[in-house]
Amino acid sequence: MSAETGVRKGIKITADEAASLDPQQIAVLLPDASPQTEVEGQTFCTSIQCPYCGKSGRCNTDPMPGKYYRCINCGALFRS
């Protein structure tokens, strides 16, 4: 995670990798007006930046390495 912005940058995936994913493996990012650094309920929220369009969104789960996300702006699939 970048110490300056508090936003993790996503990693692009291949078309074959995207096509082989089970839809239940894909989390959709939530709108992110500003980077989240506080606890919402009992879940820590982290901002993640789409590697395709650069738009940031937040996840309501810990972005473990290898977790897949769909960008809220361009719809691209990527992993954390």
PDB file of N, CA and C in Angstrom:
ATOM      1  N   MET A   1       0.847  -1.175   0.000  1.00  0.00           N
ATOM      2  CA  MET A   1       0.000   0.000   0.000  1.00  0.00           C
ATOM      3  C   MET A   1       0.887   1.229   0.000  1.00  0.00           C
ATOM      4  N   SER A   2       0.500   2.197  -0.758  1.00  0.00           N
ATOM      5  CA  SER A   2       1.267   3.429  -0.831  1.00  0.00           C
ATOM      6  C   SER A   2       1.070   4.244   0.435  1.00  0.00           C
ATOM      7  N   ALA A   3       2.145   4.630   1.079  1.00  0.00           N
ATOM      8  CA  ALA A   3       2.051   5.404   2.314  1.00  0.00           C
ATOM      9  C   ALA A   3       1.555   6.813   2.039  1.00  0.00           C
ATOM     10  N   GLU A   4       1.800   7.330   0.829  1.00  0.00           N
ATOM     11  CA  GLU A   4       1.392   8.687   0.501  1.00  0.00           C
ATOM     12  C   GLU A   4      -0.108   8.814   0.308  1.00  0.00           C
ATOM     13  N   THR A   5      -0.718   7.889  -0.416  1.00  0.00           N
ATOM     14  CA  THR A   5      -2.124   8.024  -0.752  1.00  0.00           C
ATOM     15  C   THR A   5      -3.032   7.095   0.029  1.00  0.00           C
ATOM     16  N   GLY A   6      -2.500   6.005   0.571  1.00  0.00           N
ATOM     17  CA  GLY A   6      -3.332   5.042   1.274  1.00  0.00           C
ATOM     18  C   GLY A   6      -4.186   4.225   0.326  1.00  0.00           C
ATOM     19  N   VAL A   7      -3.819   4.174  -0.956  1.00  0.00           N
ATOM     20  CA  VAL A   7      -4.583   3.449  -1.967  1.00  0.00           C
ATOM     21  C   VAL A   7      -3.718   2.339  -2.540  1.00  0.00           C
ATOM     22  N   ARG A   8      -4.260   1.127  -2.564  1.00  0.00           N
ATOM     23  CA  ARG A   8      -3.544   0.011  -3.180  1.00  0.00           C
ATOM     24  C   ARG A   8      -3.834   0.005  -4.669  1.00  0.00           C
ATOM     25  N   LYS A   9      -2.828  -0.291  -5.465  1.00  0.00           N
ATOM     26  CA  LYS A   9      -3.016  -0.373  -6.917  1.00  0.00           C
ATOM     27  C   LYS A   9      -3.308  -1.816  -7.296  1.00  0.00           C
ATOM     28  N   GLY A  10      -4.381  -2.022  -8.066  1.00  0.00           N
ATOM     29  CA  GLY A  10      -4.748  -3.351  -8.533  1.00  0.00           C
ATOM     30  C   GLY A  10      -3.777  -3.845  -9.586  1.00  0.00           C
ATOM     31  N   ILE A  11      -3.862  -5.137  -9.902  1.00  0.00           N
ATOM     32  CA  ILE A  11      -2.982  -5.779 -10.876  1.00  0.00           C
ATOM     33  C   ILE A  11      -3.839  -6.274 -12.039  1.00  0.00           C
ATOM     34  N   LYS A  12      -3.423  -5.945 -13.254  1.00  0.00           N
ATOM     35  CA  LYS A  12      -4.149  -6.393 -14.443  1.00  0.00           C
ATOM     36  C   LYS A  12      -4.111  -7.914 -14.540  1.00  0.00           C
ATOM     37  N   ILE A  13      -5.182  -8.492 -15.108  1.00  0.00           N
ATOM     38  CA  ILE A  13      -5.230  -9.929 -15.345  1.00  0.00           C
ATOM     39  C   ILE A  13      -5.450 -10.164 -16.841  1.00  0.00           C
ATOM     40  N   THR A  14      -5.134 -11.369 -17.298  1.00  0.00           N
ATOM     41  CA  THR A  14      -5.309 -11.704 -18.711  1.00  0.00           C
ATOM     42  C   THR A  14      -6.780 -11.971 -19.010  1.00  0.00           C
ATOM     43  N   ALA A  15      -7.135 -11.916 -20.274  1.00  0.00           N
ATOM     44  CA  ALA A  15      -8.510 -12.210 -20.694  1.00  0.00           C
ATOM     45  C   ALA A  15      -8.873 -13.650 -20.351  1.00  0.00           C
ATOM     46  N   ASP A  16      -7.918 -14.573 -20.505  1.00  0.00           N
ATOM     47  CA  ASP A  16      -8.174 -15.979 -20.167  1.00  0.00           C
ATOM     48  C   ASP A  16      -8.446 -16.149 -18.672  1.00  0.00           C
ATOM     49  N   GLU A  17      -7.676 -15.449 -17.854  1.00  0.00           N
ATOM     50  CA  GLU A  17      -7.878 -15.520 -16.405  1.00  0.00           C
ATOM     51  C   GLU A  17      -9.250 -14.960 -16.033  1.00  0.00           C
ATOM     52  N   ALA A  18      -9.634 -13.840 -16.635  1.00  0.00           N
ATOM     53  CA  ALA A  18     -10.934 -13.225 -16.357  1.00  0.00           C
ATOM     54  C   ALA A  18     -12.075 -14.146 -16.778  1.00  0.00           C
ATOM     55  N   ALA A  19     -11.926 -14.808 -17.931  1.00  0.00           N
ATOM     56  CA  ALA A  19     -12.975 -15.687 -18.438  1.00  0.00           C
ATOM     57  C   ALA A  19     -13.154 -16.935 -17.578  1.00  0.00           C
ATOM     58  N   SER A  20     -12.105 -17.346 -16.882  1.00  0.00           N
ATOM     59  CA  SER A  20     -12.172 -18.577 -16.094  1.00  0.00           C
ATOM     60  C   SER A  20     -12.686 -18.355 -14.665  1.00  0.00           C
ATOM     61  N   LEU A  21     -12.939 -17.110 -14.287  1.00  0.00           N
ATOM     62  CA  LEU A  21     -13.361 -16.822 -12.918  1.00  0.00           C
ATOM     63  C   LEU A  21     -14.812 -17.185 -12.660  1.00  0.00           C
ATOM     64  N   ASP A  22     -15.074 -17.708 -11.497  1.00  0.00           N
ATOM     65  CA  ASP A  22     -16.432 -17.929 -11.014  1.00  0.00           C
ATOM     66  C   ASP A  22     -16.950 -16.573 -10.531  1.00  0.00           C
ATOM     67  N   PRO A  23     -18.148 -16.157 -10.946  1.00  0.00           N
ATOM     68  CA  PRO A  23     -18.671 -14.848 -10.521  1.00  0.00           C
ATOM     69  C   PRO A  23     -18.674 -14.646  -9.008  1.00  0.00           C
ATOM     70  N   GLN A  24     -18.745 -15.715  -8.237  1.00  0.00           N
ATOM     71  CA  GLN A  24     -18.734 -15.591  -6.776  1.00  0.00           C
ATOM     72  C   GLN A  24     -17.361 -15.224  -6.238  1.00  0.00           C
ATOM     73  N   GLN A  25     -16.330 -15.317  -7.067  1.00  0.00           N
ATOM     74  CA  GLN A  25     -14.968 -14.941  -6.657  1.00  0.00           C
ATOM     75  C   GLN A  25     -14.712 -13.452  -6.833  1.00  0.00           C
ATOM     76  N   ILE A  26     -15.634 -12.736  -7.478  1.00  0.00           N
ATOM     77  CA  ILE A  26     -15.397 -11.341  -7.837  1.00  0.00           C
ATOM     78  C   ILE A  26     -16.154 -10.407  -6.903  1.00  0.00           C
ATOM     79  N   ALA A  27     -15.420  -9.515  -6.250  1.00  0.00           N
ATOM     80  CA  ALA A  27     -16.027  -8.493  -5.400  1.00  0.00           C
ATOM     81  C   ALA A  27     -16.156  -7.209  -6.218  1.00  0.00           C
ATOM     82  N   VAL A  28     -17.228  -6.468  -5.984  1.00  0.00           N
ATOM     83  CA  VAL A  28     -17.418  -5.197  -6.674  1.00  0.00           C
ATOM     84  C   VAL A  28     -16.998  -4.091  -5.725  1.00  0.00           C
ATOM     85  N   LEU A  29     -16.166  -3.193  -6.212  1.00  0.00           N
ATOM     86  CA  LEU A  29     -15.727  -2.073  -5.379  1.00  0.00           C
ATOM     87  C   LEU A  29     -16.874  -1.097  -5.155  1.00  0.00           C
ATOM     88  N   LEU A  30     -16.864  -0.459  -4.021  1.00  0.00           N
ATOM     89  CA  LEU A  30     -17.866   0.535  -3.667  1.00  0.00           C
ATOM     90  C   LEU A  30     -17.333   1.918  -4.023  1.00  0.00           C
ATOM     91  N   PRO A  31     -18.219   2.884  -4.275  1.00  0.00           N
ATOM     92  CA  PRO A  31     -17.736   4.244  -4.572  1.00  0.00           C
ATOM     93  C   PRO A  31     -16.847   4.754  -3.444  1.00  0.00           C
ATOM     94  N   ASP A  32     -15.849   5.510  -3.809  1.00  0.00           N
ATOM     95  CA  ASP A  32     -14.876   6.002  -2.836  1.00  0.00           C
ATOM     96  C   ASP A  32     -14.669   7.491  -3.031  1.00  0.00           C
ATOM     97  N   ALA A  33     -15.359   8.294  -2.228  1.00  0.00           N
ATOM     98  CA  ALA A  33     -15.208   9.745  -2.322  1.00  0.00           C
ATOM     99  C   ALA A  33     -13.841  10.177  -1.799  1.00  0.00           C
ATOM    100  N   SER A  34     -13.343   9.454  -0.796  1.00  0.00           N
ATOM    101  CA  SER A  34     -12.029   9.738  -0.238  1.00  0.00           C
ATOM    102  C   SER A  34     -11.477   8.446   0.336  1.00  0.00           C
ATOM    103  N   PRO A  35     -10.161   8.308   0.404  1.00  0.00           N
ATOM    104  CA  PRO A  35      -9.578   7.086   0.961  1.00  0.00           C
ATOM    105  C   PRO A  35     -10.076   6.835   2.381  1.00  0.00           C
ATOM    106  N   GLN A  36     -10.466   5.609   2.639  1.00  0.00           N
ATOM    107  CA  GLN A  36     -10.976   5.229   3.949  1.00  0.00           C
ATOM    108  C   GLN A  36      -9.839   4.770   4.842  1.00  0.00           C
ATOM    109  N   THR A  37      -9.769   5.327   6.040  1.00  0.00           N
ATOM    110  CA  THR A  37      -8.727   4.916   6.976  1.00  0.00           C
ATOM    111  C   THR A  37      -9.334   4.603   8.334  1.00  0.00           C
ATOM    112  N   GLU A  38     -10.629   4.462   8.384  1.00  0.00           N
ATOM    113  CA  GLU A  38     -11.278   4.185   9.654  1.00  0.00           C
ATOM    114  C   GLU A  38     -12.101   2.917   9.554  1.00  0.00           C
ATOM    115  N   VAL A  39     -12.542   2.450  10.673  1.00  0.00           N
ATOM    116  CA  VAL A  39     -13.348   1.240  10.730  1.00  0.00           C
ATOM    117  C   VAL A  39     -14.804   1.610  10.448  1.00  0.00           C
ATOM    118  N   GLU A  40     -15.422   0.894   9.515  1.00  0.00           N
ATOM    119  CA  GLU A  40     -16.846   1.064   9.235  1.00  0.00           C
ATOM    120  C   GLU A  40     -17.521  -0.192   9.750  1.00  0.00           C
ATOM    121  N   GLY A  41     -18.335  -0.052  10.775  1.00  0.00           N
ATOM    122  CA  GLY A  41     -18.900  -1.231  11.415  1.00  0.00           C
ATOM    123  C   GLY A  41     -17.757  -1.992  12.050  1.00  0.00           C
ATOM    124  N   GLN A  42     -17.559  -3.217  11.635  1.00  0.00           N
ATOM    125  CA  GLN A  42     -16.444  -4.003  12.144  1.00  0.00           C
ATOM    126  C   GLN A  42     -15.465  -4.379  11.036  1.00  0.00           C
ATOM    127  N   THR A  43     -15.600  -3.784   9.866  1.00  0.00           N
ATOM    128  CA  THR A  43     -14.756  -4.147   8.738  1.00  0.00           C
ATOM    129  C   THR A  43     -13.888  -2.977   8.318  1.00  0.00           C
ATOM    130  N   PHE A  44     -12.596  -3.205   8.199  1.00  0.00           N
ATOM    131  CA  PHE A  44     -11.674  -2.172   7.749  1.00  0.00           C
ATOM    132  C   PHE A  44     -11.832  -2.007   6.244  1.00  0.00           C
ATOM    133  N   CYS A  45     -11.946  -0.796   5.792  1.00  0.00           N
ATOM    134  CA  CYS A  45     -12.114  -0.524   4.367  1.00  0.00           C
ATOM    135  C   CYS A  45     -10.817   0.009   3.777  1.00  0.00           C
ATOM    136  N   THR A  46     -10.459  -0.527   2.635  1.00  0.00           N
ATOM    137  CA  THR A  46      -9.238  -0.130   1.966  1.00  0.00           C
ATOM    138  C   THR A  46      -9.579   0.354   0.570  1.00  0.00           C
ATOM    139  N   SER A  47      -8.955   1.417   0.127  1.00  0.00           N
ATOM    140  CA  SER A  47      -9.146   1.898  -1.234  1.00  0.00           C
ATOM    141  C   SER A  47      -8.231   1.126  -2.169  1.00  0.00           C
ATOM    142  N   ILE A  48      -8.784   0.752  -3.333  1.00  0.00           N
ATOM    143  CA  ILE A  48      -8.029   0.033  -4.348  1.00  0.00           C
ATOM    144  C   ILE A  48      -8.214   0.774  -5.666  1.00  0.00           C
ATOM    145  N   GLN A  49      -7.127   0.959  -6.398  1.00  0.00           N
ATOM    146  CA  GLN A  49      -7.167   1.672  -7.671  1.00  0.00           C
ATOM    147  C   GLN A  49      -7.179   0.691  -8.827  1.00  0.00           C
ATOM    148  N   CYS A  50      -8.102   0.891  -9.760  1.00  0.00           N
ATOM    149  CA  CYS A  50      -8.176   0.063 -10.961  1.00  0.00           C
ATOM    150  C   CYS A  50      -6.931   0.302 -11.810  1.00  0.00           C
ATOM    151  N   PRO A  51      -6.253  -0.776 -12.233  1.00  0.00           N
ATOM    152  CA  PRO A  51      -5.051  -0.600 -13.050  1.00  0.00           C
ATOM    153  C   PRO A  51      -5.366  -0.227 -14.501  1.00  0.00           C
ATOM    154  N   TYR A  52      -6.635  -0.287 -14.889  1.00  0.00           N
ATOM    155  CA  TYR A  52      -7.019   0.025 -16.264  1.00  0.00           C
ATOM    156  C   TYR A  52      -7.411   1.493 -16.426  1.00  0.00           C
ATOM    157  N   CYS A  53      -8.300   1.999 -15.564  1.00  0.00           N
ATOM    158  CA  CYS A  53      -8.784   3.373 -15.738  1.00  0.00           C
ATOM    159  C   CYS A  53      -8.292   4.329 -14.658  1.00  0.00           C
ATOM    160  N   GLY A  54      -7.736   3.798 -13.562  1.00  0.00           N
ATOM    161  CA  GLY A  54      -7.202   4.644 -12.505  1.00  0.00           C
ATOM    162  C   GLY A  54      -8.207   5.079 -11.453  1.00  0.00           C
ATOM    163  N   LYS A  55      -9.480   4.708 -11.612  1.00  0.00           N
ATOM    164  CA  LYS A  55     -10.516   5.075 -10.640  1.00  0.00           C
ATOM    165  C   LYS A  55     -10.323   4.252  -9.366  1.00  0.00           C
ATOM    166  N   SER A  56     -10.493   4.892  -8.220  1.00  0.00           N
ATOM    167  CA  SER A  56     -10.380   4.189  -6.942  1.00  0.00           C
ATOM    168  C   SER A  56     -11.757   3.836  -6.417  1.00  0.00           C
ATOM    169  N   GLY A  57     -11.812   2.727  -5.738  1.00  0.00           N
ATOM    170  CA  GLY A  57     -13.023   2.293  -5.050  1.00  0.00           C
ATOM    171  C   GLY A  57     -12.597   1.684  -3.740  1.00  0.00           C
ATOM    172  N   ARG A  58     -13.562   1.377  -2.892  1.00  0.00           N
ATOM    173  CA  ARG A  58     -13.185   0.760  -1.624  1.00  0.00           C
ATOM    174  C   ARG A  58     -13.828  -0.595  -1.496  1.00  0.00           C
ATOM    175  N   CYS A  59     -13.157  -1.453  -0.785  1.00  0.00           N
ATOM    176  CA  CYS A  59     -13.684  -2.786  -0.556  1.00  0.00           C
ATOM    177  C   CYS A  59     -14.080  -2.887   0.906  1.00  0.00           C
ATOM    178  N   ASN A  60     -15.032  -3.761   1.188  1.00  0.00           N
ATOM    179  CA  ASN A  60     -15.458  -3.921   2.574  1.00  0.00           C
ATOM    180  C   ASN A  60     -14.875  -5.196   3.169  1.00  0.00           C
ATOM    181  N   THR A  61     -13.825  -5.705   2.540  1.00  0.00           N
ATOM    182  CA  THR A  61     -13.078  -6.844   3.069  1.00  0.00           C
ATOM    183  C   THR A  61     -11.598  -6.527   2.950  1.00  0.00           C
ATOM    184  N   ASP A  62     -10.781  -7.261   3.648  1.00  0.00           N
ATOM    185  CA  ASP A  62      -9.340  -7.070   3.544  1.00  0.00           C
ATOM    186  C   ASP A  62      -8.897  -7.503   2.149  1.00  0.00           C
ATOM    187  N   PRO A  63      -8.226  -6.640   1.390  1.00  0.00           N
ATOM    188  CA  PRO A  63      -7.815  -7.004   0.029  1.00  0.00           C
ATOM    189  C   PRO A  63      -6.621  -7.945   0.029  1.00  0.00           C
ATOM    190  N   MET A  64      -6.898  -9.212   0.268  1.00  0.00           N
ATOM    191  CA  MET A  64      -5.845 -10.216   0.311  1.00  0.00           C
ATOM    192  C   MET A  64      -5.251 -10.396  -1.083  1.00  0.00           C
ATOM    193  N   PRO A  65      -3.978 -10.711  -1.176  1.00  0.00           N
ATOM    194  CA  PRO A  65      -3.358 -10.943  -2.485  1.00  0.00           C
ATOM    195  C   PRO A  65      -4.114 -12.029  -3.255  1.00  0.00           C
ATOM    196  N   GLY A  66      -4.388 -11.760  -4.522  1.00  0.00           N
ATOM    197  CA  GLY A  66      -5.082 -12.734  -5.353  1.00  0.00           C
ATOM    198  C   GLY A  66      -6.594 -12.585  -5.372  1.00  0.00           C
ATOM    199  N   LYS A  67      -7.156 -11.704  -4.556  1.00  0.00           N
ATOM    200  CA  LYS A  67      -8.603 -11.492  -4.567  1.00  0.00           C
ATOM    201  C   LYS A  67      -8.968 -10.680  -5.807  1.00  0.00           C
ATOM    202  N   TYR A  68     -10.103 -11.009  -6.425  1.00  0.00           N
ATOM    203  CA  TYR A  68     -10.510 -10.359  -7.667  1.00  0.00           C
ATOM    204  C   TYR A  68     -11.577  -9.304  -7.411  1.00  0.00           C
ATOM    205  N   TYR A  69     -11.520  -8.228  -8.208  1.00  0.00           N
ATOM    206  CA  TYR A  69     -12.451  -7.106  -8.083  1.00  0.00           C
ATOM    207  C   TYR A  69     -12.925  -6.662  -9.460  1.00  0.00           C
ATOM    208  N   ARG A  70     -14.124  -6.074  -9.494  1.00  0.00           N
ATOM    209  CA  ARG A  70     -14.643  -5.444 -10.707  1.00  0.00           C
ATOM    210  C   ARG A  70     -14.666  -3.943 -10.458  1.00  0.00           C
ATOM    211  N   CYS A  71     -14.108  -3.181 -11.386  1.00  0.00           N
ATOM    212  CA  CYS A  71     -14.058  -1.727 -11.260  1.00  0.00           C
ATOM    213  C   CYS A  71     -15.465  -1.140 -11.363  1.00  0.00           C
ATOM    214  N   ILE A  72     -15.773  -0.189 -10.502  1.00  0.00           N
ATOM    215  CA  ILE A  72     -17.086   0.451 -10.530  1.00  0.00           C
ATOM    216  C   ILE A  72     -17.201   1.456 -11.671  1.00  0.00           C
ATOM    217  N   ASN A  73     -16.076   1.857 -12.256  1.00  0.00           N
ATOM    218  CA  ASN A  73     -16.090   2.856 -13.320  1.00  0.00           C
ATOM    219  C   ASN A  73     -16.090   2.211 -14.710  1.00  0.00           C
ATOM    220  N   CYS A  74     -15.099   1.365 -14.988  1.00  0.00           N
ATOM    221  CA  CYS A  74     -14.958   0.812 -16.340  1.00  0.00           C
ATOM    222  C   CYS A  74     -15.408  -0.649 -16.466  1.00  0.00           C
ATOM    223  N   GLY A  75     -15.647  -1.326 -15.335  1.00  0.00           N
ATOM    224  CA  GLY A  75     -16.112  -2.718 -15.369  1.00  0.00           C
ATOM    225  C   GLY A  75     -15.015  -3.750 -15.549  1.00  0.00           C
ATOM    226  N   ALA A  76     -13.773  -3.320 -15.625  1.00  0.00           N
ATOM    227  CA  ALA A  76     -12.660  -4.253 -15.825  1.00  0.00           C
ATOM    228  C   ALA A  76     -12.449  -5.116 -14.579  1.00  0.00           C
ATOM    229  N   LEU A  77     -11.969  -6.333 -14.820  1.00  0.00           N
ATOM    230  CA  LEU A  77     -11.619  -7.236 -13.728  1.00  0.00           C
ATOM    231  C   LEU A  77     -10.126  -7.119 -13.453  1.00  0.00           C
ATOM    232  N   PHE A  78      -9.755  -7.165 -12.172  1.00  0.00           N
ATOM    233  CA  PHE A  78      -8.351  -7.131 -11.780  1.00  0.00           C
ATOM    234  C   PHE A  78      -8.221  -7.790 -10.416  1.00  0.00           C
ATOM    235  N   ARG A  79      -6.999  -7.988  -9.971  1.00  0.00           N
ATOM    236  CA  ARG A  79      -6.781  -8.607  -8.657  1.00  0.00           C
ATOM    237  C   ARG A  79      -5.933  -7.699  -7.793  1.00  0.00           C
ATOM    238  N   SER A  80      -6.015  -7.963  -6.490  1.00  0.00           N
ATOM    239  CA  SER A  80      -5.243  -7.147  -5.553  1.00  0.00           C
ATOM    240  C   SER A  80      -3.881  -7.751  -5.326  1.00  0.00           C
TER     241      SER A  80
END
